[in-house]
Every structure is written in structure tokens, then in C-alpha cells.
PDB file of N, CA and C in Angstrom:
ATOM      1  N   LYS A   1      47.349-131.374-144.131  1.00  0.00           N
ATOM      2  CA  LYS A   1      46.336-132.359-143.807  1.00  0.00           C
ATOM      3  C   LYS A   1      44.979-131.663-143.731  1.00  0.00           C
ATOM      4  N   SER A   2      43.997-132.254-144.354  1.00  0.00           N
ATOM      5  CA  SER A   2      42.649-131.696-144.348  1.00  0.00           C
ATOM      6  C   SER A   2      41.948-131.995-143.028  1.00  0.00           C
ATOM      7  N   PRO A   3      41.061-131.092-142.609  1.00  0.00           N
ATOM      8  CA  PRO A   3      40.303-131.356-141.383  1.00  0.00           C
ATOM      9  C   PRO A   3      39.326-132.512-141.597  1.00  0.00           C
ATOM     10  N   SER A   4      38.987-133.176-140.526  1.00  0.00           N
ATOM     11  CA  SER A   4      38.052-134.299-140.606  1.00  0.00           C
ATOM     12  C   SER A   4      36.646-133.794-140.913  1.00  0.00           C
ATOM     13  N   ALA A   5      35.796-134.709-141.343  1.00  0.00           N
ATOM     14  CA  ALA A   5      34.398-134.370-141.614  1.00  0.00           C
ATOM     15  C   ALA A   5      33.720-133.868-140.340  1.00  0.00           C
ATOM     16  N   ALA A   6      34.046-134.469-139.212  1.00  0.00           N
ATOM     17  CA  ALA A   6      33.456-134.043-137.937  1.00  0.00           C
ATOM     18  C   ALA A   6      33.889-132.623-137.581  1.00  0.00           C
ATOM     19  N   CYS A   7      35.159-132.327-137.798  1.00  0.00           N
ATOM     20  CA  CYS A   7      35.676-130.984-137.528  1.00  0.00           C
ATOM     21  C   CYS A   7      34.968-129.961-138.410  1.00  0.00           C
ATOM     22  N   CYS A   8      34.865-130.255-139.696  1.00  0.00           N
ATOM     23  CA  CYS A   8      34.196-129.333-140.615  1.00  0.00           C
ATOM     24  C   CYS A   8      32.720-129.179-140.261  1.00  0.00           C
ATOM     25  N   GLY A   9      32.098-130.248-139.807  1.00  0.00           N
ATOM     26  CA  GLY A   9      30.701-130.160-139.389  1.00  0.00           C
ATOM     27  C   GLY A   9      30.521-129.166-138.257  1.00  0.00           C
ATOM     28  N   LEU A  10      31.434-129.192-137.295  1.00  0.00           N
ATOM     29  CA  LEU A  10      31.379-128.237-136.184  1.00  0.00           C
ATOM     30  C   LEU A  10      31.618-126.813-136.670  1.00  0.00           C
ATOM     31  N   ILE A  11      32.573-126.650-137.563  1.00  0.00           N
ATOM     32  CA  ILE A  11      32.883-125.319-138.085  1.00  0.00           C
ATOM     33  C   ILE A  11      31.700-124.761-138.868  1.00  0.00           C
ATOM     34  N   ARG A  12      31.086-125.600-139.697  1.00  0.00           N
ATOM     35  CA  ARG A  12      29.950-125.143-140.507  1.00  0.00           C
ATOM     36  C   ARG A  12      28.737-124.791-139.655  1.00  0.00           C
ATOM     37  N   SER A  13      28.580-125.468-138.532  1.00  0.00           N
ATOM     38  CA  SER A  13      27.400-125.223-137.703  1.00  0.00           C
ATOM     39  C   SER A  13      27.636-124.182-136.609  1.00  0.00           C
ATOM     40  N   ALA A  14      28.868-123.716-136.461  1.00  0.00           N
ATOM     41  CA  ALA A  14      29.186-122.753-135.401  1.00  0.00           C
ATOM     42  C   ALA A  14      28.485-121.423-135.636  1.00  0.00           C
ATOM     43  N   ASP A  15      27.920-120.885-134.576  1.00  0.00           N
ATOM     44  CA  ASP A  15      27.287-119.569-134.613  1.00  0.00           C
ATOM     45  C   ASP A  15      28.345-118.552-134.197  1.00  0.00           C
ATOM     46  N   MET A  16      28.930-117.879-135.182  1.00  0.00           N
ATOM     47  CA  MET A  16      30.035-116.962-134.893  1.00  0.00           C
ATOM     48  C   MET A  16      29.598-115.814-133.995  1.00  0.00           C
ATOM     49  N   GLY A  17      28.331-115.445-134.051  1.00  0.00           N
ATOM     50  CA  GLY A  17      27.822-114.413-133.156  1.00  0.00           C
ATOM     51  C   GLY A  17      27.895-114.842-131.701  1.00  0.00           C
ATOM     52  N   CYS A  18      27.878-116.142-131.480  1.00  0.00           N
ATOM     53  CA  CYS A  18      27.992-116.694-130.134  1.00  0.00           C
ATOM     54  C   CYS A  18      29.455-116.930-129.762  1.00  0.00           C
ATOM     55  N   VAL A  19      30.257-117.369-130.732  1.00  0.00           N
ATOM     56  CA  VAL A  19      31.658-117.715-130.479  1.00  0.00           C
ATOM     57  C   VAL A  19      32.521-116.470-130.272  1.00  0.00           C
ATOM     58  N   CYS A  20      32.378-115.488-131.144  1.00  0.00           N
ATOM     59  CA  CYS A  20      33.296-114.337-131.129  1.00  0.00           C
ATOM     60  C   CYS A  20      33.351-113.575-129.806  1.00  0.00           C
ATOM     61  N   PRO A  21      32.245-113.332-129.123  1.00  0.00           N
ATOM     62  CA  PRO A  21      32.357-112.620-127.847  1.00  0.00           C
ATOM     63  C   PRO A  21      33.191-113.362-126.802  1.00  0.00           C
ATOM     64  N   LYS A  22      33.387-114.649-126.987  1.00  0.00           N
ATOM     65  CA  LYS A  22      34.170-115.452-126.041  1.00  0.00           C
ATOM     66  C   LYS A  22      35.676-115.363-126.295  1.00  0.00           C
ATOM     67  N   VAL A  23      36.071-114.728-127.397  1.00  0.00           N
ATOM     68  CA  VAL A  23      37.494-114.632-127.744  1.00  0.00           C
ATOM     69  C   VAL A  23      38.101-113.443-126.992  1.00  0.00           C
ATOM     70  N   THR A  24      38.582-113.730-125.804  1.00  0.00           N
ATOM     71  CA  THR A  24      39.202-112.713-124.956  1.00  0.00           C
ATOM     72  C   THR A  24      40.650-112.495-125.395  1.00  0.00           C
ATOM     73  N   PRO A  25      41.287-111.429-124.939  1.00  0.00           N
ATOM     74  CA  PRO A  25      42.704-111.237-125.265  1.00  0.00           C
ATOM     75  C   PRO A  25      43.569-112.424-124.832  1.00  0.00           C
ATOM     76  N   GLU A  26      43.226-113.065-123.722  1.00  0.00           N
ATOM     77  CA  GLU A  26      43.995-114.220-123.250  1.00  0.00           C
ATOM     78  C   GLU A  26      43.869-115.390-124.227  1.00  0.00           C
ATOM     79  N   ILE A  27      42.659-115.628-124.710  1.00  0.00           N
ATOM     80  CA  ILE A  27      42.445-116.697-125.688  1.00  0.00           C
ATOM     81  C   ILE A  27      43.108-116.332-127.009  1.00  0.00           C
ATOM     82  N   ALA A  28      43.016-115.077-127.400  1.00  0.00           N
ATOM     83  CA  ALA A  28      43.597-114.628-128.669  1.00  0.00           C
ATOM     84  C   ALA A  28      45.096-114.893-128.727  1.00  0.00           C
ATOM     85  N   LYS A  29      45.783-114.822-127.594  1.00  0.00           N
ATOM     86  CA  LYS A  29      47.225-115.085-127.556  1.00  0.00           C
ATOM     87  C   LYS A  29      47.551-116.530-127.921  1.00  0.00           C
ATOM     88  N   LEU A  30      46.591-117.418-127.758  1.00  0.00           N
ATOM     89  CA  LEU A  30      46.799-118.845-128.013  1.00  0.00           C
ATOM     90  C   LEU A  30      46.434-119.257-129.433  1.00  0.00           C
ATOM     91  N   ILE A  31      45.857-118.333-130.192  1.00  0.00           N
ATOM     92  CA  ILE A  31      45.308-118.659-131.509  1.00  0.00           C
ATOM     93  C   ILE A  31      46.209-118.139-132.623  1.00  0.00           C
ATOM     94  N   ASN A  32      46.477-118.986-133.606  1.00  0.00           N
ATOM     95  CA  ASN A  32      47.164-118.570-134.823  1.00  0.00           C
ATOM     96  C   ASN A  32      46.064-118.234-135.827  1.00  0.00           C
ATOM     97  N   VAL A  33      45.794-116.950-136.000  1.00  0.00           N
ATOM     98  CA  VAL A  33      44.669-116.504-136.819  1.00  0.00           C
ATOM     99  C   VAL A  33      44.770-117.031-138.244  1.00  0.00           C
ATOM    100  N   SER A  34      45.951-117.026-138.815  1.00  0.00           N
ATOM    101  CA  SER A  34      46.117-117.509-140.189  1.00  0.00           C
ATOM    102  C   SER A  34      45.707-118.972-140.312  1.00  0.00           C
ATOM    103  N   LYS A  35      46.073-119.783-139.325  1.00  0.00           N
ATOM    104  CA  LYS A  35      45.696-121.199-139.355  1.00  0.00           C
ATOM    105  C   LYS A  35      44.192-121.376-139.192  1.00  0.00           C
ATOM    106  N   VAL A  36      43.588-120.579-138.327  1.00  0.00           N
ATOM    107  CA  VAL A  36      42.138-120.670-138.125  1.00  0.00           C
ATOM    108  C   VAL A  36      41.407-120.296-139.402  1.00  0.00           C
ATOM    109  N   VAL A  37      41.817-119.205-140.042  1.00  0.00           N
ATOM    110  CA  VAL A  37      41.184-118.779-141.292  1.00  0.00           C
ATOM    111  C   VAL A  37      41.334-119.869-142.345  1.00  0.00           C
ATOM    112  N   SER A  38      42.516-120.441-142.465  1.00  0.00           N
ATOM    113  CA  SER A  38      42.754-121.510-143.432  1.00  0.00           C
ATOM    114  C   SER A  38      41.864-122.716-143.144  1.00  0.00           C
ATOM    115  N   LEU A  39      41.745-123.087-141.893  1.00  0.00           N
ATOM    116  CA  LEU A  39      40.906-124.215-141.500  1.00  0.00           C
ATOM    117  C   LEU A  39      39.444-123.952-141.846  1.00  0.00           C
ATOM    118  N   VAL A  40      38.952-122.788-141.475  1.00  0.00           N
ATOM    119  CA  VAL A  40      37.554-122.434-141.744  1.00  0.00           C
ATOM    120  C   VAL A  40      37.281-122.447-143.243  1.00  0.00           C
ATOM    121  N   GLU A  41      38.181-121.852-144.012  1.00  0.00           N
ATOM    122  CA  GLU A  41      37.989-121.805-145.464  1.00  0.00           C
ATOM    123  C   GLU A  41      38.076-123.193-146.092  1.00  0.00           C
ATOM    124  N   SER A  42      38.913-124.075-145.552  1.00  0.00           N
ATOM    125  CA  SER A  42      39.014-125.425-146.107  1.00  0.00           C
ATOM    126  C   SER A  42      37.748-126.235-145.839  1.00  0.00           C
ATOM    127  N   CYS A  43      36.933-125.766-144.906  1.00  0.00           N
ATOM    128  CA  CYS A  43      35.651-126.422-144.614  1.00  0.00           C
ATOM    129  C   CYS A  43      34.487-125.765-145.356  1.00  0.00           C
ATOM    130  N   GLY A  44      34.795-124.818-146.234  1.00  0.00           N
ATOM    131  CA  GLY A  44      33.757-124.236-147.071  1.00  0.00           C
ATOM    132  C   GLY A  44      33.105-122.974-146.547  1.00  0.00           C
ATOM    133  N   ARG A  45      33.585-122.448-145.428  1.00  0.00           N
ATOM    134  CA  ARG A  45      33.049-121.173-144.929  1.00  0.00           C
ATOM    135  C   ARG A  45      34.017-120.071-145.305  1.00  0.00           C
ATOM    136  N   SER A  46      33.469-118.925-145.613  1.00  0.00           N
ATOM    137  CA  SER A  46      34.343-117.802-145.939  1.00  0.00           C
ATOM    138  C   SER A  46      34.597-116.971-144.685  1.00  0.00           C
ATOM    139  N   VAL A  47      35.722-116.293-144.693  1.00  0.00           N
ATOM    140  CA  VAL A  47      36.076-115.380-143.609  1.00  0.00           C
ATOM    141  C   VAL A  47      36.424-114.051-144.263  1.00  0.00           C
ATOM    142  N   PRO A  48      35.507-113.076-144.190  1.00  0.00           N
ATOM    143  CA  PRO A  48      35.797-111.782-144.809  1.00  0.00           C
ATOM    144  C   PRO A  48      37.030-111.134-144.176  1.00  0.00           C
ATOM    145  N   HIS A  49      37.794-110.424-144.998  1.00  0.00           N
ATOM    146  CA  HIS A  49      38.964-109.707-144.493  1.00  0.00           C
ATOM    147  C   HIS A  49      38.532-108.675-143.458  1.00  0.00           C
ATOM    148  N   HIS A  50      39.361-108.475-142.475  1.00  0.00           N
ATOM    149  CA  HIS A  50      39.181-107.470-141.426  1.00  0.00           C
ATOM    150  C   HIS A  50      37.938-107.713-140.573  1.00  0.00           C
ATOM    151  N   THR A  51      37.548-108.984-140.427  1.00  0.00           N
ATOM    152  CA  THR A  51      36.429-109.340-139.563  1.00  0.00           C
ATOM    153  C   THR A  51      36.881-109.266-138.115  1.00  0.00           C
ATOM    154  N   GLN A  52      36.086-108.627-137.279  1.00  0.00           N
ATOM    155  CA  GLN A  52      36.381-108.544-135.856  1.00  0.00           C
ATOM    156  C   GLN A  52      35.705-109.716-135.156  1.00  0.00           C
ATOM    157  N   CYS A  53      36.490-110.491-134.437  1.00  0.00           N
ATOM    158  CA  CYS A  53      35.960-111.608-133.657  1.00  0.00           C
ATOM    159  C   CYS A  53      36.590-111.526-132.278  1.00  0.00           C
ATOM    160  N   GLY A  54      35.838-111.017-131.330  1.00  0.00           N
ATOM    161  CA  GLY A  54      36.397-110.784-130.005  1.00  0.00           C
ATOM    162  C   GLY A  54      37.541-109.797-130.115  1.00  0.00           C
ATOM    163  N   SER A  55      38.701-110.163-129.601  1.00  0.00           N
ATOM    164  CA  SER A  55      39.854-109.263-129.656  1.00  0.00           C
ATOM    165  C   SER A  55      40.746-109.537-130.860  1.00  0.00           C
ATOM    166  N   ILE A  56      40.268-110.349-131.807  1.00  0.00           N
ATOM    167  CA  ILE A  56      41.039-110.686-133.007  1.00  0.00           C
ATOM    168  C   ILE A  56      40.395-110.046-134.227  1.00  0.00           C
ATOM    169  N   THR A  57      41.232-109.517-135.102  1.00  0.00           N
ATOM    170  CA  THR A  57      40.777-109.045-136.405  1.00  0.00           C
ATOM    171  C   THR A  57      41.471-109.897-137.449  1.00  0.00           C
ATOM    172  N   THR A  58      40.684-110.488-138.360  1.00  0.00           N
ATOM    173  CA  THR A  58      41.280-111.349-139.382  1.00  0.00           C
ATOM    174  C   THR A  58      42.054-110.511-140.384  1.00  0.00           C
ATOM    175  N   PRO A  59      43.082-111.126-140.995  1.00  0.00           N
ATOM    176  CA  PRO A  59      43.885-110.377-141.974  1.00  0.00           C
ATOM    177  C   PRO A  59      43.098-110.073-143.241  1.00  0.00           C
TER     178      PRO A  59
END
């Protein structure tokens, strides 16, 4: 299922420099990184490999 236009709007406008420091190890345990990357990419944003975002590194 594709994300909604509203969801993609939030993803496209998100300031990752602001979001990433908030990704604590506790939050990282709740996140499926592969699903997040897929969601972000389906909204037209790229996620470079091995990007560090808080305590998560993308594949």
C-alpha cells in the first residue's frame, strides 16, 4: 500500500537534521529501518546507504 499524500508531504518537508538527533536507542528498537527507508523512498526522497540517523545506520 502506498503512503497517503499527507504522509508523503510530511516526509518531504521533514528536516532530518532536526529529526535524527531525536532517534535514541530506545526509539530505534521500535523502528523497522527497512520499512522506513522504503516509505521515504516511495515518497520521492532518497536515503543514502550507511546514513547515520541518531542511533540508527541505514543499510
